[in-house]
């Protein structure tokens, strides 16, 4: 049963060739709890690439490579969700109309602006970390990737309903107990504390940033969608990176 959750997590949250054998809500709930593990794997791959290019090239090149690698390894899934949520929130329309806007294939001005600013922020924060040392930059990438996936558990709490039927959002919505989300986040923070307390603090503050967005989305859309979950990932990851930048 746990293996099905892991396959669900890696198969839906990454481009890694993992076959999803069970597509049901129990597996979806376990997948959201296993999501930080996906973040750790993707963060290690992207961080390693960034460190290599920062060592051989420049800190800025390493930062761009790491951000690009995470986008490629996730098919741009979370960035797409962030852009759609920005368009939905920025429209100022009622929930039904905002959800329709989010479902459209094109990206509006709010989405474009949000993507540009978030990606610039991520690159700027990581460039500072890679400038300090390639290893510190790689750890920052790892922290951001894990923090972003921890936010998925909080977004799928049993008290948070789906905004519409169908789709990945409805499949995973309301599948995680608060104690489970807290345990996963606490475990992630504990493991990062071994590296340095700043990484654990960054993870926690990343969850707070995502919580603010989650609250706003539930108010506006009456629940979550797959796009909202993607936006939570990017918001939490960016919040963690800003925390690390300010710590430095």
C-alpha atoms as a PDB file:
ATOM      1  CA  UNK A   1       0.000   0.000   0.000  1.00  0.00           C
ATOM      2  CA  UNK A   2       2.791   2.456   0.867  1.00  0.00           C
ATOM      3  CA  UNK A   3       4.535   1.598  -2.394  1.00  0.00           C
ATOM      4  CA  UNK A   4       1.436   2.685  -4.305  1.00  0.00           C
ATOM      5  CA  UNK A   5       1.578   6.050  -2.571  1.00  0.00           C
ATOM      6  CA  UNK A   6       5.233   6.478  -3.498  1.00  0.00           C
ATOM      7  CA  UNK A   7       4.532   5.592  -7.117  1.00  0.00           C
ATOM      8  CA  UNK A   8       1.620   8.015  -7.145  1.00  0.00           C
ATOM      9  CA  UNK A   9       3.853  10.773  -5.734  1.00  0.00           C
ATOM     10  CA  UNK A  10       6.765  10.276  -8.125  1.00  0.00           C
ATOM     11  CA  UNK A  11       4.522   9.541 -11.100  1.00  0.00           C
ATOM     12  CA  UNK A  12       2.427  12.702 -10.749  1.00  0.00           C
ATOM     13  CA  UNK A  13       4.939  15.157  -9.260  1.00  0.00           C
ATOM     14  CA  UNK A  14       7.967  14.439 -11.447  1.00  0.00           C
ATOM     15  CA  UNK A  15       9.065  13.323 -14.902  1.00  0.00           C
ATOM     16  CA  UNK A  16      10.830  10.305 -13.454  1.00  0.00           C
ATOM     17  CA  UNK A  17       9.653   7.109 -15.207  1.00  0.00           C
ATOM     18  CA  UNK A  18       7.457   5.691 -12.462  1.00  0.00           C
ATOM     19  CA  UNK A  19       4.224   3.879 -13.335  1.00  0.00           C
ATOM     20  CA  UNK A  20       1.192   4.755 -11.212  1.00  0.00           C
ATOM     21  CA  UNK A  21      -0.559   1.447 -10.512  1.00  0.00           C
ATOM     22  CA  UNK A  22      -3.363   2.715  -8.275  1.00  0.00           C
ATOM     23  CA  UNK A  23      -5.346   5.897  -8.855  1.00  0.00           C
ATOM     24  CA  UNK A  24      -7.559   6.214  -5.770  1.00  0.00           C
ATOM     25  CA  UNK A  25      -7.947   8.564  -2.822  1.00  0.00           C
ATOM     26  CA  UNK A  26      -6.100   6.415  -0.240  1.00  0.00           C
ATOM     27  CA  UNK A  27      -3.074   6.263  -2.542  1.00  0.00           C
ATOM     28  CA  UNK A  28      -3.444   9.979  -3.253  1.00  0.00           C
ATOM     29  CA  UNK A  29      -3.341  10.805   0.453  1.00  0.00           C
ATOM     30  CA  UNK A  30      -0.197   8.744   0.965  1.00  0.00           C
ATOM     31  CA  UNK A  31       1.312  10.405  -2.101  1.00  0.00           C
ATOM     32  CA  UNK A  32       0.830  13.870  -0.622  1.00  0.00           C
ATOM     33  CA  UNK A  33       2.591  12.718   2.538  1.00  0.00           C
ATOM     34  CA  UNK A  34       5.420  11.229   0.456  1.00  0.00           C
ATOM     35  CA  UNK A  35       5.743  14.393  -1.637  1.00  0.00           C
ATOM     36  CA  UNK A  36       8.672  15.809   0.428  1.00  0.00           C
ATOM     37  CA  UNK A  37      10.657  12.714  -0.530  1.00  0.00           C
ATOM     38  CA  UNK A  38      10.028  13.570  -4.172  1.00  0.00           C
ATOM     39  CA  UNK A  39      11.209  17.089  -3.370  1.00  0.00           C
ATOM     40  CA  UNK A  40      14.386  15.742  -1.791  1.00  0.00           C
ATOM     41  CA  UNK A  41      15.231  13.685  -4.879  1.00  0.00           C
ATOM     42  CA  UNK A  42      14.472  16.491  -7.330  1.00  0.00           C
ATOM     43  CA  UNK A  43      16.194  19.055  -5.115  1.00  0.00           C
ATOM     44  CA  UNK A  44      19.328  16.916  -4.912  1.00  0.00           C
ATOM     45  CA  UNK A  45      19.438  16.549  -8.706  1.00  0.00           C
ATOM     46  CA  UNK A  46      18.821  20.251  -9.387  1.00  0.00           C
ATOM     47  CA  UNK A  47      21.098  21.363  -6.562  1.00  0.00           C
ATOM     48  CA  UNK A  48      23.893  19.140  -7.791  1.00  0.00           C
ATOM     49  CA  UNK A  49      23.631  20.578 -11.297  1.00  0.00           C
ATOM     50  CA  UNK A  50      23.568  24.113  -9.937  1.00  0.00           C
ATOM     51  CA  UNK A  51      26.601  23.478  -7.746  1.00  0.00           C
ATOM     52  CA  UNK A  52      28.560  22.053 -10.679  1.00  0.00           C
ATOM     53  CA  UNK A  53      27.833  25.048 -12.897  1.00  0.00           C
ATOM     54  CA  UNK A  54      28.461  27.506 -10.057  1.00  0.00           C
ATOM     55  CA  UNK A  55      31.836  25.874  -9.461  1.00  0.00           C
ATOM     56  CA  UNK A  56      32.839  25.776 -13.116  1.00  0.00           C
ATOM     57  CA  UNK A  57      31.031  28.931 -14.236  1.00  0.00           C
ATOM     58  CA  UNK A  58      29.346  31.493 -12.006  1.00  0.00           C
ATOM     59  CA  UNK A  59      26.902  31.706  -9.111  1.00  0.00           C
ATOM     60  CA  UNK A  60      24.250  33.221 -11.362  1.00  0.00           C
ATOM     61  CA  UNK A  61      24.620  30.428 -13.905  1.00  0.00           C
ATOM     62  CA  UNK A  62      24.286  27.854 -11.150  1.00  0.00           C
ATOM     63  CA  UNK A  63      21.145  29.532  -9.825  1.00  0.00           C
ATOM     64  CA  UNK A  64      19.493  29.670 -13.245  1.00  0.00           C
ATOM     65  CA  UNK A  65      20.406  26.045 -13.929  1.00  0.00           C
ATOM     66  CA  UNK A  66      18.951  24.857 -10.629  1.00  0.00           C
ATOM     67  CA  UNK A  67      15.655  26.699 -11.131  1.00  0.00           C
ATOM     68  CA  UNK A  68      15.432  25.483 -14.722  1.00  0.00           C
ATOM     69  CA  UNK A  69      16.191  21.904 -13.701  1.00  0.00           C
ATOM     70  CA  UNK A  70      13.377  21.882 -11.140  1.00  0.00           C
ATOM     71  CA  UNK A  71      10.992  23.203 -13.779  1.00  0.00           C
ATOM     72  CA  UNK A  72      12.035  20.495 -16.228  1.00  0.00           C
ATOM     73  CA  UNK A  73      11.896  17.720 -13.631  1.00  0.00           C
ATOM     74  CA  UNK A  74       8.300  18.677 -12.792  1.00  0.00           C
ATOM     75  CA  UNK A  75       7.150  19.442 -16.363  1.00  0.00           C
ATOM     76  CA  UNK A  76       6.573  23.018 -15.198  1.00  0.00           C
ATOM     77  CA  UNK A  77       3.494  21.697 -13.390  1.00  0.00           C
ATOM     78  CA  UNK A  78       3.753  23.897 -10.309  1.00  0.00           C
ATOM     79  CA  UNK A  79       4.725  27.018 -12.233  1.00  0.00           C
ATOM     80  CA  UNK A  80       1.696  26.536 -14.465  1.00  0.00           C
ATOM     81  CA  UNK A  81      -0.499  26.248 -11.387  1.00  0.00           C
ATOM     82  CA  UNK A  82       1.016  29.409  -9.925  1.00  0.00           C
ATOM     83  CA  UNK A  83       0.265  31.356 -13.101  1.00  0.00           C
ATOM     84  CA  UNK A  84      -3.319  30.065 -13.276  1.00  0.00           C
ATOM     85  CA  UNK A  85      -3.996  30.914  -9.631  1.00  0.00           C
ATOM     86  CA  UNK A  86      -2.587  34.415 -10.131  1.00  0.00           C
ATOM     87  CA  UNK A  87      -4.965  34.921 -13.059  1.00  0.00           C
ATOM     88  CA  UNK A  88      -7.894  33.580 -11.037  1.00  0.00           C
ATOM     89  CA  UNK A  89      -7.191  35.736  -7.999  1.00  0.00           C
ATOM     90  CA  UNK A  90      -6.340  38.774 -10.093  1.00  0.00           C
ATOM     91  CA  UNK A  91      -9.559  38.576 -12.085  1.00  0.00           C
ATOM     92  CA  UNK A  92     -11.622  39.696  -9.114  1.00  0.00           C
ATOM     93  CA  UNK A  93     -14.522  37.588 -10.421  1.00  0.00           C
ATOM     94  CA  UNK A  94     -16.791  35.219  -8.460  1.00  0.00           C
ATOM     95  CA  UNK A  95     -15.525  31.732  -7.726  1.00  0.00           C
ATOM     96  CA  UNK A  96     -17.174  30.022 -10.701  1.00  0.00           C
ATOM     97  CA  UNK A  97     -15.842  32.555 -13.201  1.00  0.00           C
ATOM     98  CA  UNK A  98     -12.391  32.603 -11.592  1.00  0.00           C
ATOM     99  CA  UNK A  99     -12.174  28.800 -11.807  1.00  0.00           C
ATOM    100  CA  UNK A 100     -13.151  28.977 -15.476  1.00  0.00           C
ATOM    101  CA  UNK A 101     -10.355  31.478 -16.097  1.00  0.00           C
ATOM    102  CA  UNK A 102      -7.872  29.220 -14.314  1.00  0.00           C
ATOM    103  CA  UNK A 103      -8.882  26.267 -16.460  1.00  0.00           C
ATOM    104  CA  UNK A 104      -8.163  28.059 -19.732  1.00  0.00           C
ATOM    105  CA  UNK A 105      -4.977  27.048 -21.528  1.00  0.00           C
ATOM    106  CA  UNK A 106      -3.638  30.579 -22.013  1.00  0.00           C
ATOM    107  CA  UNK A 107      -1.877  32.712 -19.387  1.00  0.00           C
ATOM    108  CA  UNK A 108      -3.124  36.191 -18.591  1.00  0.00           C
ATOM    109  CA  UNK A 109      -1.177  39.287 -17.496  1.00  0.00           C
ATOM    110  CA  UNK A 110      -1.414  38.472 -13.794  1.00  0.00           C
ATOM    111  CA  UNK A 111      -0.001  35.017 -14.425  1.00  0.00           C
ATOM    112  CA  UNK A 112       2.869  36.292 -16.567  1.00  0.00           C
ATOM    113  CA  UNK A 113       3.815  38.985 -14.061  1.00  0.00           C
ATOM    114  CA  UNK A 114       3.694  36.544 -11.147  1.00  0.00           C
ATOM    115  CA  UNK A 115       5.820  33.967 -12.963  1.00  0.00           C
ATOM    116  CA  UNK A 116       8.450  36.558 -13.876  1.00  0.00           C
ATOM    117  CA  UNK A 117       8.684  37.954 -10.356  1.00  0.00           C
ATOM    118  CA  UNK A 118       8.759  34.547  -8.651  1.00  0.00           C
ATOM    119  CA  UNK A 119      11.412  33.150 -10.984  1.00  0.00           C
ATOM    120  CA  UNK A 120      13.526  36.286 -10.617  1.00  0.00           C
ATOM    121  CA  UNK A 121      13.198  36.035  -6.837  1.00  0.00           C
ATOM    122  CA  UNK A 122      14.232  32.384  -6.830  1.00  0.00           C
ATOM    123  CA  UNK A 123      17.239  32.998  -9.066  1.00  0.00           C
ATOM    124  CA  UNK A 124      18.318  36.053  -7.058  1.00  0.00           C
ATOM    125  CA  UNK A 125      18.105  34.193  -3.748  1.00  0.00           C
ATOM    126  CA  UNK A 126      19.962  31.159  -5.077  1.00  0.00           C
ATOM    127  CA  UNK A 127      22.658  33.264  -6.744  1.00  0.00           C
ATOM    128  CA  UNK A 128      23.554  34.636  -3.325  1.00  0.00           C
ATOM    129  CA  UNK A 129      23.719  31.144  -1.863  1.00  0.00           C
ATOM    130  CA  UNK A 130      25.871  29.781  -4.698  1.00  0.00           C
ATOM    131  CA  UNK A 131      28.127  32.840  -4.437  1.00  0.00           C
ATOM    132  CA  UNK A 132      28.823  31.859  -0.828  1.00  0.00           C
ATOM    133  CA  UNK A 133      29.714  28.306  -1.898  1.00  0.00           C
ATOM    134  CA  UNK A 134      28.426  25.684  -4.361  1.00  0.00           C
ATOM    135  CA  UNK A 135      27.528  23.399  -1.452  1.00  0.00           C
ATOM    136  CA  UNK A 136      25.480  26.072   0.287  1.00  0.00           C
ATOM    137  CA  UNK A 137      23.635  26.778  -2.941  1.00  0.00           C
ATOM    138  CA  UNK A 138      22.858  23.096  -3.426  1.00  0.00           C
ATOM    139  CA  UNK A 139      21.496  22.837   0.114  1.00  0.00           C
ATOM    140  CA  UNK A 140      19.314  25.874  -0.501  1.00  0.00           C
ATOM    141  CA  UNK A 141      17.841  24.191  -3.580  1.00  0.00           C
ATOM    142  CA  UNK A 142      17.230  21.010  -1.585  1.00  0.00           C
ATOM    143  CA  UNK A 143      15.544  22.955   1.218  1.00  0.00           C
ATOM    144  CA  UNK A 144      13.272  24.850  -1.162  1.00  0.00           C
ATOM    145  CA  UNK A 145      12.257  21.670  -2.986  1.00  0.00           C
ATOM    146  CA  UNK A 146      11.394  19.865   0.252  1.00  0.00           C
ATOM    147  CA  UNK A 147       9.593  22.903   1.696  1.00  0.00           C
ATOM    148  CA  UNK A 148       7.470  23.217  -1.418  1.00  0.00           C
ATOM    149  CA  UNK A 149       6.328  19.593  -1.248  1.00  0.00           C
ATOM    150  CA  UNK A 150       5.610  19.780   2.484  1.00  0.00           C
ATOM    151  CA  UNK A 151       3.023  22.417   1.599  1.00  0.00           C
ATOM    152  CA  UNK A 152       1.062  19.822  -0.383  1.00  0.00           C
ATOM    153  CA  UNK A 153       0.130  17.995   2.798  1.00  0.00           C
ATOM    154  CA  UNK A 154      -1.288  21.167   4.330  1.00  0.00           C
ATOM    155  CA  UNK A 155      -3.169  21.953   1.132  1.00  0.00           C
ATOM    156  CA  UNK A 156      -4.840  18.547   1.243  1.00  0.00           C
ATOM    157  CA  UNK A 157      -6.064  18.688   4.830  1.00  0.00           C
ATOM    158  CA  UNK A 158      -9.405  17.017   5.464  1.00  0.00           C
ATOM    159  CA  UNK A 159     -10.910  20.404   6.333  1.00  0.00           C
ATOM    160  CA  UNK A 160     -10.126  21.813   2.883  1.00  0.00           C
ATOM    161  CA  UNK A 161     -12.647  20.775   0.199  1.00  0.00           C
ATOM    162  CA  UNK A 162     -12.098  20.570  -3.559  1.00  0.00           C
ATOM    163  CA  UNK A 163     -13.247  23.647  -5.445  1.00  0.00           C
ATOM    164  CA  UNK A 164     -14.713  21.557  -8.280  1.00  0.00           C
ATOM    165  CA  UNK A 165     -15.290  17.873  -9.064  1.00  0.00           C
ATOM    166  CA  UNK A 166     -12.828  15.992 -11.204  1.00  0.00           C
ATOM    167  CA  UNK A 167      -9.124  16.402 -11.821  1.00  0.00           C
ATOM    168  CA  UNK A 168      -6.102  15.857  -9.625  1.00  0.00           C
ATOM    169  CA  UNK A 169      -7.242  18.480  -7.119  1.00  0.00           C
ATOM    170  CA  UNK A 170     -10.471  16.621  -6.359  1.00  0.00           C
ATOM    171  CA  UNK A 171      -8.578  13.320  -6.153  1.00  0.00           C
ATOM    172  CA  UNK A 172      -6.143  14.490  -3.456  1.00  0.00           C
ATOM    173  CA  UNK A 173      -8.288  17.073  -1.630  1.00  0.00           C
ATOM    174  CA  UNK A 174      -9.213  16.313   1.985  1.00  0.00           C
ATOM    175  CA  UNK A 175      -7.041  13.171   2.148  1.00  0.00           C
ATOM    176  CA  UNK A 176      -4.526  14.234   4.833  1.00  0.00           C
ATOM    177  CA  UNK A 177      -5.097  14.469   8.587  1.00  0.00           C
ATOM    178  CA  UNK A 178      -3.628  17.504  10.394  1.00  0.00           C
ATOM    179  CA  UNK A 179      -1.450  15.267  12.564  1.00  0.00           C
ATOM    180  CA  UNK A 180      -0.009  13.628   9.449  1.00  0.00           C
ATOM    181  CA  UNK A 181       0.838  16.939   7.796  1.00  0.00           C
ATOM    182  CA  UNK A 182       2.427  18.171  11.026  1.00  0.00           C
ATOM    183  CA  UNK A 183       4.471  14.984  11.436  1.00  0.00           C
ATOM    184  CA  UNK A 184       5.829  15.162   7.868  1.00  0.00           C
ATOM    185  CA  UNK A 185       6.738  18.832   8.207  1.00  0.00           C
ATOM    186  CA  UNK A 186       8.343  18.266  11.611  1.00  0.00           C
ATOM    187  CA  UNK A 187      10.370  15.349  10.256  1.00  0.00           C
ATOM    188  CA  UNK A 188      11.555  17.444   7.319  1.00  0.00           C
ATOM    189  CA  UNK A 189      12.546  20.295   9.634  1.00  0.00           C
ATOM    190  CA  UNK A 190      14.341  17.904  11.986  1.00  0.00           C
ATOM    191  CA  UNK A 191      16.394  16.373   9.182  1.00  0.00           C
ATOM    192  CA  UNK A 192      17.294  19.815   7.826  1.00  0.00           C
ATOM    193  CA  UNK A 193      18.352  20.932  11.319  1.00  0.00           C
ATOM    194  CA  UNK A 194      21.152  18.388  11.095  1.00  0.00           C
ATOM    195  CA  UNK A 195      22.545  20.431   8.188  1.00  0.00           C
ATOM    196  CA  UNK A 196      21.976  23.802   9.892  1.00  0.00           C
ATOM    197  CA  UNK A 197      19.074  25.382  11.826  1.00  0.00           C
ATOM    198  CA  UNK A 198      18.624  27.996   9.098  1.00  0.00           C
ATOM    199  CA  UNK A 199      17.348  25.327   6.701  1.00  0.00           C
ATOM    200  CA  UNK A 200      14.744  24.117   9.178  1.00  0.00           C
ATOM    201  CA  UNK A 201      13.607  27.686   9.843  1.00  0.00           C
ATOM    202  CA  UNK A 202      13.361  28.320   6.103  1.00  0.00           C
ATOM    203  CA  UNK A 203      11.149  25.240   5.691  1.00  0.00           C
ATOM    204  CA  UNK A 204       8.807  26.368   8.466  1.00  0.00           C
ATOM    205  CA  UNK A 205       8.519  29.919   7.146  1.00  0.00           C
ATOM    206  CA  UNK A 206       7.864  28.501   3.708  1.00  0.00           C
ATOM    207  CA  UNK A 207       4.840  26.679   5.140  1.00  0.00           C
ATOM    208  CA  UNK A 208       3.557  29.904   6.645  1.00  0.00           C
ATOM    209  CA  UNK A 209       3.795  31.649   3.277  1.00  0.00           C
ATOM    210  CA  UNK A 210       1.894  28.804   1.636  1.00  0.00           C
ATOM    211  CA  UNK A 211      -0.712  28.876   4.416  1.00  0.00           C
ATOM    212  CA  UNK A 212      -1.499  32.520   3.658  1.00  0.00           C
ATOM    213  CA  UNK A 213      -2.043  31.706  -0.004  1.00  0.00           C
ATOM    214  CA  UNK A 214      -4.110  28.626   0.855  1.00  0.00           C
ATOM    215  CA  UNK A 215      -6.401  30.670   3.078  1.00  0.00           C
ATOM    216  CA  UNK A 216      -6.919  33.233   0.340  1.00  0.00           C
ATOM    217  CA  UNK A 217      -7.627  30.587  -2.285  1.00  0.00           C
ATOM    218  CA  UNK A 218     -10.179  28.783  -0.115  1.00  0.00           C
ATOM    219  CA  UNK A 219     -11.925  32.100   0.505  1.00  0.00           C
ATOM    220  CA  UNK A 220     -12.012  32.975  -3.187  1.00  0.00           C
ATOM    221  CA  UNK A 221     -12.537  29.574  -4.818  1.00  0.00           C
ATOM    222  CA  UNK A 222     -14.380  27.725  -2.021  1.00  0.00           C
ATOM    223  CA  UNK A 223     -11.692  25.042  -1.993  1.00  0.00           C
ATOM    224  CA  UNK A 224      -8.566  23.855  -3.779  1.00  0.00           C
ATOM    225  CA  UNK A 225      -7.701  22.705  -7.278  1.00  0.00           C
ATOM    226  CA  UNK A 226      -4.593  21.151  -8.757  1.00  0.00           C
ATOM    227  CA  UNK A 227      -3.515  24.657  -9.752  1.00  0.00           C
ATOM    228  CA  UNK A 228      -3.793  25.830  -6.159  1.00  0.00           C
ATOM    229  CA  UNK A 229      -1.577  22.977  -5.011  1.00  0.00           C
ATOM    230  CA  UNK A 230       1.016  23.897  -7.615  1.00  0.00           C
ATOM    231  CA  UNK A 231       0.919  27.498  -6.459  1.00  0.00           C
ATOM    232  CA  UNK A 232       1.424  26.364  -2.864  1.00  0.00           C
ATOM    233  CA  UNK A 233       4.570  24.482  -3.884  1.00  0.00           C
ATOM    234  CA  UNK A 234       6.116  27.508  -5.587  1.00  0.00           C
ATOM    235  CA  UNK A 235       5.055  29.900  -2.823  1.00  0.00           C
ATOM    236  CA  UNK A 236       6.515  27.742  -0.085  1.00  0.00           C
ATOM    237  CA  UNK A 237       9.753  27.156  -2.012  1.00  0.00           C
ATOM    238  CA  UNK A 238      10.162  30.871  -2.716  1.00  0.00           C
ATOM    239  CA  UNK A 239       9.410  31.771   0.885  1.00  0.00           C
ATOM    240  CA  UNK A 240      12.089  29.352   2.050  1.00  0.00           C
ATOM    241  CA  UNK A 241      14.635  30.828  -0.342  1.00  0.00           C
ATOM    242  CA  UNK A 242      13.862  34.388   0.749  1.00  0.00           C
ATOM    243  CA  UNK A 243      14.337  33.285   4.368  1.00  0.00           C
ATOM    244  CA  UNK A 244      17.764  31.847   3.540  1.00  0.00           C
ATOM    245  CA  UNK A 245      18.723  34.997   1.646  1.00  0.00           C
ATOM    246  CA  UNK A 246      17.759  37.212   4.582  1.00  0.00           C
ATOM    247  CA  UNK A 247      19.599  34.929   7.023  1.00  0.00           C
ATOM    248  CA  UNK A 248      22.782  35.397   5.018  1.00  0.00           C
END
